[in-house]
Amino acid sequence: MATFRKRVSSWEVQIRRQGHPSITRSFKSKPDAQIWARQIEAQIDRSELPHRYRDSQRHTLGDLFSPGV
């Protein structure tokens, strides 16, 4: 379930699901935060999201073209 918090100049979203680590991200507008939260929750429901989501965000486009990765 997604939790939305209003910060000084942004909206913070935290998604927590049993069996998955929590995922947090900030947005400038609440509608953007809601769209992102729905997309992530749908990916979790379809088992498309890696169990270690944070690790998957560390790869860059250059990593894809590096021969050692």
PDB file of N, CA and C in Angstrom:
ATOM      1  N   MET A   1       0.833  -1.163   0.000  1.00  0.00           N
ATOM      2  CA  MET A   1       0.000   0.000   0.000  1.00  0.00           C
ATOM      3  C   MET A   1       0.885   1.235   0.000  1.00  0.00           C
ATOM      4  N   ALA A   2       0.491   2.231  -0.751  1.00  0.00           N
ATOM      5  CA  ALA A   2       1.262   3.466  -0.852  1.00  0.00           C
ATOM      6  C   ALA A   2       0.800   4.466   0.210  1.00  0.00           C
ATOM      7  N   THR A   3       1.785   5.137   0.792  1.00  0.00           N
ATOM      8  CA  THR A   3       1.521   6.197   1.753  1.00  0.00           C
ATOM      9  C   THR A   3       2.084   7.485   1.182  1.00  0.00           C
ATOM     10  N   PHE A   4       1.279   8.552   1.187  1.00  0.00           N
ATOM     11  CA  PHE A   4       1.678   9.841   0.638  1.00  0.00           C
ATOM     12  C   PHE A   4       1.847  10.836   1.779  1.00  0.00           C
ATOM     13  N   ARG A   5       2.977  11.557   1.765  1.00  0.00           N
ATOM     14  CA  ARG A   5       3.241  12.576   2.783  1.00  0.00           C
ATOM     15  C   ARG A   5       3.623  13.874   2.099  1.00  0.00           C
ATOM     16  N   LYS A   6       3.018  14.955   2.532  1.00  0.00           N
ATOM     17  CA  LYS A   6       3.368  16.266   2.007  1.00  0.00           C
ATOM     18  C   LYS A   6       4.581  16.779   2.761  1.00  0.00           C
ATOM     19  N   ARG A   7       5.637  17.066   2.058  1.00  0.00           N
ATOM     20  CA  ARG A   7       6.831  17.680   2.628  1.00  0.00           C
ATOM     21  C   ARG A   7       6.806  19.157   2.252  1.00  0.00           C
ATOM     22  N   VAL A   8       7.818  19.893   2.600  1.00  0.00           N
ATOM     23  CA  VAL A   8       7.819  21.341   2.365  1.00  0.00           C
ATOM     24  C   VAL A   8       7.526  21.673   0.908  1.00  0.00           C
ATOM     25  N   SER A   9       8.279  21.112  -0.006  1.00  0.00           N
ATOM     26  CA  SER A   9       8.069  21.444  -1.420  1.00  0.00           C
ATOM     27  C   SER A   9       7.890  20.198  -2.290  1.00  0.00           C
ATOM     28  N   SER A  10       7.584  19.075  -1.665  1.00  0.00           N
ATOM     29  CA  SER A  10       7.441  17.855  -2.444  1.00  0.00           C
ATOM     30  C   SER A  10       6.487  16.886  -1.767  1.00  0.00           C
ATOM     31  N   TRP A  11       6.145  15.827  -2.506  1.00  0.00           N
ATOM     32  CA  TRP A  11       5.327  14.734  -1.991  1.00  0.00           C
ATOM     33  C   TRP A  11       6.203  13.504  -1.902  1.00  0.00           C
ATOM     34  N   GLU A  12       6.207  12.860  -0.752  1.00  0.00           N
ATOM     35  CA  GLU A  12       6.962  11.637  -0.560  1.00  0.00           C
ATOM     36  C   GLU A  12       6.004  10.450  -0.609  1.00  0.00           C
ATOM     37  N   VAL A  13       6.382   9.434  -1.353  1.00  0.00           N
ATOM     38  CA  VAL A  13       5.581   8.215  -1.464  1.00  0.00           C
ATOM     39  C   VAL A  13       6.387   7.068  -0.895  1.00  0.00           C
ATOM     40  N   GLN A  14       5.744   6.273  -0.077  1.00  0.00           N
ATOM     41  CA  GLN A  14       6.380   5.059   0.433  1.00  0.00           C
ATOM     42  C   GLN A  14       5.442   3.891   0.140  1.00  0.00           C
ATOM     43  N   ILE A  15       5.992   2.872  -0.522  1.00  0.00           N
ATOM     44  CA  ILE A  15       5.221   1.676  -0.843  1.00  0.00           C
ATOM     45  C   ILE A  15       5.762   0.538   0.007  1.00  0.00           C
ATOM     46  N   ARG A  16       4.855  -0.094   0.735  1.00  0.00           N
ATOM     47  CA  ARG A  16       5.232  -1.227   1.581  1.00  0.00           C
ATOM     48  C   ARG A  16       4.332  -2.400   1.230  1.00  0.00           C
ATOM     49  N   ARG A  17       4.962  -3.511   0.918  1.00  0.00           N
ATOM     50  CA  ARG A  17       4.257  -4.762   0.645  1.00  0.00           C
ATOM     51  C   ARG A  17       4.947  -5.880   1.384  1.00  0.00           C
ATOM     52  N   GLN A  18       4.167  -6.796   1.908  1.00  0.00           N
ATOM     53  CA  GLN A  18       4.729  -7.930   2.636  1.00  0.00           C
ATOM     54  C   GLN A  18       5.603  -8.752   1.700  1.00  0.00           C
ATOM     55  N   GLY A  19       6.776  -9.087   2.172  1.00  0.00           N
ATOM     56  CA  GLY A  19       7.703  -9.883   1.370  1.00  0.00           C
ATOM     57  C   GLY A  19       8.583  -9.056   0.459  1.00  0.00           C
ATOM     58  N   HIS A  20       8.431  -7.742   0.452  1.00  0.00           N
ATOM     59  CA  HIS A  20       9.239  -6.844  -0.382  1.00  0.00           C
ATOM     60  C   HIS A  20       9.783  -5.719   0.486  1.00  0.00           C
ATOM     61  N   PRO A  21      10.987  -5.235   0.175  1.00  0.00           N
ATOM     62  CA  PRO A  21      11.493  -4.085   0.925  1.00  0.00           C
ATOM     63  C   PRO A  21      10.681  -2.839   0.575  1.00  0.00           C
ATOM     64  N   SER A  22      10.603  -1.887   1.491  1.00  0.00           N
ATOM     65  CA  SER A  22       9.847  -0.670   1.217  1.00  0.00           C
ATOM     66  C   SER A  22      10.589   0.158   0.161  1.00  0.00           C
ATOM     67  N   ILE A  23       9.819   0.894  -0.632  1.00  0.00           N
ATOM     68  CA  ILE A  23      10.355   1.732  -1.703  1.00  0.00           C
ATOM     69  C   ILE A  23       9.850   3.143  -1.451  1.00  0.00           C
ATOM     70  N   THR A  24      10.755   4.126  -1.441  1.00  0.00           N
ATOM     71  CA  THR A  24      10.389   5.510  -1.185  1.00  0.00           C
ATOM     72  C   THR A  24      10.932   6.389  -2.293  1.00  0.00           C
ATOM     73  N   ARG A  25      10.114   7.370  -2.708  1.00  0.00           N
ATOM     74  CA  ARG A  25      10.538   8.315  -3.733  1.00  0.00           C
ATOM     75  C   ARG A  25       9.785   9.624  -3.529  1.00  0.00           C
ATOM     76  N   SER A  26      10.386  10.742  -3.937  1.00  0.00           N
ATOM     77  CA  SER A  26       9.760  12.061  -3.787  1.00  0.00           C
ATOM     78  C   SER A  26       9.422  12.650  -5.147  1.00  0.00           C
ATOM     79  N   PHE A  27       8.327  13.424  -5.184  1.00  0.00           N
ATOM     80  CA  PHE A  27       7.842  14.055  -6.416  1.00  0.00           C
ATOM     81  C   PHE A  27       7.427  15.491  -6.127  1.00  0.00           C
ATOM     82  N   LYS A  28       7.422  16.305  -7.164  1.00  0.00           N
ATOM     83  CA  LYS A  28       6.998  17.697  -7.005  1.00  0.00           C
ATOM     84  C   LYS A  28       5.486  17.832  -6.918  1.00  0.00           C
ATOM     85  N   SER A  29       4.747  16.918  -7.544  1.00  0.00           N
ATOM     86  CA  SER A  29       3.285  17.013  -7.515  1.00  0.00           C
ATOM     87  C   SER A  29       2.672  15.695  -7.042  1.00  0.00           C
ATOM     88  N   LYS A  30       1.526  15.791  -6.401  1.00  0.00           N
ATOM     89  CA  LYS A  30       0.858  14.598  -5.904  1.00  0.00           C
ATOM     90  C   LYS A  30       0.362  13.692  -7.035  1.00  0.00           C
ATOM     91  N   PRO A  31      -0.184  14.258  -8.127  1.00  0.00           N
ATOM     92  CA  PRO A  31      -0.608  13.365  -9.225  1.00  0.00           C
ATOM     93  C   PRO A  31       0.544  12.521  -9.790  1.00  0.00           C
ATOM     94  N   ASP A  32       1.735  13.111  -9.907  1.00  0.00           N
ATOM     95  CA  ASP A  32       2.893  12.339 -10.375  1.00  0.00           C
ATOM     96  C   ASP A  32       3.220  11.217  -9.391  1.00  0.00           C
ATOM     97  N   ALA A  33       3.138  11.525  -8.103  1.00  0.00           N
ATOM     98  CA  ALA A  33       3.403  10.525  -7.067  1.00  0.00           C
ATOM     99  C   ALA A  33       2.389   9.389  -7.134  1.00  0.00           C
ATOM    100  N   GLN A  34       1.126   9.714  -7.354  1.00  0.00           N
ATOM    101  CA  GLN A  34       0.080   8.694  -7.421  1.00  0.00           C
ATOM    102  C   GLN A  34       0.262   7.788  -8.632  1.00  0.00           C
ATOM    103  N   ILE A  35       0.615   8.373  -9.766  1.00  0.00           N
ATOM    104  CA  ILE A  35       0.839   7.582 -10.980  1.00  0.00           C
ATOM    105  C   ILE A  35       1.990   6.606 -10.771  1.00  0.00           C
ATOM    106  N   TRP A  36       3.103   7.107 -10.227  1.00  0.00           N
ATOM    107  CA  TRP A  36       4.266   6.256  -9.982  1.00  0.00           C
ATOM    108  C   TRP A  36       3.911   5.130  -9.017  1.00  0.00           C
ATOM    109  N   ALA A  37       3.202   5.460  -7.944  1.00  0.00           N
ATOM    110  CA  ALA A  37       2.837   4.453  -6.946  1.00  0.00           C
ATOM    111  C   ALA A  37       1.977   3.353  -7.563  1.00  0.00           C
ATOM    112  N   ARG A  38       1.007   3.724  -8.404  1.00  0.00           N
ATOM    113  CA  ARG A  38       0.169   2.712  -9.057  1.00  0.00           C
ATOM    114  C   ARG A  38       0.991   1.813  -9.965  1.00  0.00           C
ATOM    115  N   GLN A  39       1.946   2.408 -10.686  1.00  0.00           N
ATOM    116  CA  GLN A  39       2.787   1.613 -11.582  1.00  0.00           C
ATOM    117  C   GLN A  39       3.647   0.615 -10.799  1.00  0.00           C
ATOM    118  N   ILE A  40       4.253   1.075  -9.726  1.00  0.00           N
ATOM    119  CA  ILE A  40       5.111   0.192  -8.927  1.00  0.00           C
ATOM    120  C   ILE A  40       4.279  -0.906  -8.271  1.00  0.00           C
ATOM    121  N   GLU A  41       3.119  -0.546  -7.728  1.00  0.00           N
ATOM    122  CA  GLU A  41       2.264  -1.561  -7.104  1.00  0.00           C
ATOM    123  C   GLU A  41       1.798  -2.594  -8.119  1.00  0.00           C
ATOM    124  N   ALA A  42       1.503  -2.159  -9.334  1.00  0.00           N
ATOM    125  CA  ALA A  42       1.094  -3.097 -10.380  1.00  0.00           C
ATOM    126  C   ALA A  42       2.249  -4.037 -10.744  1.00  0.00           C
ATOM    127  N   GLN A  43       3.467  -3.507 -10.801  1.00  0.00           N
ATOM    128  CA  GLN A  43       4.622  -4.344 -11.102  1.00  0.00           C
ATOM    129  C   GLN A  43       4.848  -5.378 -10.005  1.00  0.00           C
ATOM    130  N   ILE A  44       4.641  -4.969  -8.760  1.00  0.00           N
ATOM    131  CA  ILE A  44       4.776  -5.919  -7.653  1.00  0.00           C
ATOM    132  C   ILE A  44       3.714  -7.008  -7.785  1.00  0.00           C
ATOM    133  N   ASP A  45       2.471  -6.619  -8.085  1.00  0.00           N
ATOM    134  CA  ASP A  45       1.379  -7.587  -8.220  1.00  0.00           C
ATOM    135  C   ASP A  45       1.650  -8.594  -9.333  1.00  0.00           C
ATOM    136  N   ARG A  46       2.270  -8.134 -10.424  1.00  0.00           N
ATOM    137  CA  ARG A  46       2.558  -9.011 -11.559  1.00  0.00           C
ATOM    138  C   ARG A  46       3.909  -9.713 -11.417  1.00  0.00           C
ATOM    139  N   SER A  47       4.581  -9.504 -10.297  1.00  0.00           N
ATOM    140  CA  SER A  47       5.909 -10.081 -10.035  1.00  0.00           C
ATOM    141  C   SER A  47       6.930  -9.653 -11.077  1.00  0.00           C
ATOM    142  N   GLU A  48       6.791  -8.451 -11.597  1.00  0.00           N
ATOM    143  CA  GLU A  48       7.729  -7.922 -12.582  1.00  0.00           C
ATOM    144  C   GLU A  48       8.849  -7.117 -11.932  1.00  0.00           C
ATOM    145  N   LEU A  49       8.644  -6.690 -10.710  1.00  0.00           N
ATOM    146  CA  LEU A  49       9.626  -5.860 -10.024  1.00  0.00           C
ATOM    147  C   LEU A  49      10.656  -6.749  -9.354  1.00  0.00           C
ATOM    148  N   PRO A  50      11.945  -6.470  -9.569  1.00  0.00           N
ATOM    149  CA  PRO A  50      12.968  -7.268  -8.891  1.00  0.00           C
ATOM    150  C   PRO A  50      12.788  -7.188  -7.378  1.00  0.00           C
ATOM    151  N   HIS A  51      13.104  -8.268  -6.688  1.00  0.00           N
ATOM    152  CA  HIS A  51      12.949  -8.280  -5.240  1.00  0.00           C
ATOM    153  C   HIS A  51      13.830  -7.217  -4.597  1.00  0.00           C
ATOM    154  N   ARG A  52      14.967  -6.940  -5.186  1.00  0.00           N
ATOM    155  CA  ARG A  52      15.870  -5.898  -4.694  1.00  0.00           C
ATOM    156  C   ARG A  52      15.768  -4.706  -5.638  1.00  0.00           C
ATOM    157  N   TYR A  53      14.660  -3.987  -5.600  1.00  0.00           N
ATOM    158  CA  TYR A  53      14.376  -2.859  -6.493  1.00  0.00           C
ATOM    159  C   TYR A  53      15.491  -1.823  -6.466  1.00  0.00           C
ATOM    160  N   ARG A  54      15.998  -1.507  -5.294  1.00  0.00           N
ATOM    161  CA  ARG A  54      17.020  -0.478  -5.161  1.00  0.00           C
ATOM    162  C   ARG A  54      18.274  -0.841  -5.940  1.00  0.00           C
ATOM    163  N   ASP A  55      18.662  -2.107  -5.922  1.00  0.00           N
ATOM    164  CA  ASP A  55      19.845  -2.537  -6.666  1.00  0.00           C
ATOM    165  C   ASP A  55      19.638  -2.375  -8.167  1.00  0.00           C
ATOM    166  N   SER A  56      18.431  -2.591  -8.644  1.00  0.00           N
ATOM    167  CA  SER A  56      18.173  -2.476 -10.081  1.00  0.00           C
ATOM    168  C   SER A  56      18.244  -1.029 -10.549  1.00  0.00           C
ATOM    169  N   GLN A  57      18.092  -0.069  -9.650  1.00  0.00           N
ATOM    170  CA  GLN A  57      18.146   1.344 -10.008  1.00  0.00           C
ATOM    171  C   GLN A  57      19.581   1.869 -10.094  1.00  0.00           C
ATOM    172  N   ARG A  58      20.565   1.086  -9.692  1.00  0.00           N
ATOM    173  CA  ARG A  58      21.962   1.530  -9.679  1.00  0.00           C
ATOM    174  C   ARG A  58      22.662   1.333 -11.011  1.00  0.00           C
ATOM    175  N   HIS A  59      22.086   0.593 -11.922  1.00  0.00           N
ATOM    176  CA  HIS A  59      22.709   0.349 -13.214  1.00  0.00           C
ATOM    177  C   HIS A  59      22.473   1.525 -14.154  1.00  0.00           C
ATOM    178  N   THR A  60      23.478   1.847 -14.931  1.00  0.00           N
ATOM    179  CA  THR A  60      23.366   2.926 -15.902  1.00  0.00           C
ATOM    180  C   THR A  60      23.342   2.350 -17.311  1.00  0.00           C
ATOM    181  N   LEU A  61      23.073   3.185 -18.275  1.00  0.00           N
ATOM    182  CA  LEU A  61      23.067   2.765 -19.660  1.00  0.00           C
ATOM    183  C   LEU A  61      24.461   2.275 -20.054  1.00  0.00           C
ATOM    184  N   GLY A  62      25.484   2.910 -19.526  1.00  0.00           N
ATOM    185  CA  GLY A  62      26.855   2.483 -19.798  1.00  0.00           C
ATOM    186  C   GLY A  62      27.134   1.070 -19.318  1.00  0.00           C
ATOM    187  N   ASP A  63      26.488   0.683 -18.210  1.00  0.00           N
ATOM    188  CA  ASP A  63      26.655  -0.678 -17.701  1.00  0.00           C
ATOM    189  C   ASP A  63      26.177  -1.716 -18.710  1.00  0.00           C
ATOM    190  N   LEU A  64      25.152  -1.387 -19.450  1.00  0.00           N
ATOM    191  CA  LEU A  64      24.614  -2.340 -20.430  1.00  0.00           C
ATOM    192  C   LEU A  64      25.590  -2.595 -21.566  1.00  0.00           C
ATOM    193  N   PHE A  65      26.407  -1.595 -21.883  1.00  0.00           N
ATOM    194  CA  PHE A  65      27.338  -1.714 -22.992  1.00  0.00           C
ATOM    195  C   PHE A  65      28.740  -2.114 -22.569  1.00  0.00           C
ATOM    196  N   SER A  66      28.982  -2.218 -21.280  1.00  0.00           N
ATOM    197  CA  SER A  66      30.294  -2.628 -20.778  1.00  0.00           C
ATOM    198  C   SER A  66      30.422  -4.149 -20.916  1.00  0.00           C
ATOM    199  N   PRO A  67      31.541  -4.613 -21.421  1.00  0.00           N
ATOM    200  CA  PRO A  67      31.701  -6.061 -21.609  1.00  0.00           C
ATOM    201  C   PRO A  67      31.814  -6.832 -20.294  1.00  0.00           C
ATOM    202  N   GLY A  68      32.202  -6.194 -19.202  1.00  0.00           N
ATOM    203  CA  GLY A  68      32.407  -6.905 -17.949  1.00  0.00           C
ATOM    204  C   GLY A  68      31.159  -7.078 -17.116  1.00  0.00           C
ATOM    205  N   VAL A  69      30.044  -6.516 -17.511  1.00  0.00           N
ATOM    206  CA  VAL A  69      28.818  -6.577 -16.687  1.00  0.00           C
ATOM    207  C   VAL A  69      27.896  -7.645 -17.168  1.00  0.00           C
TER     208      VAL A  69
END
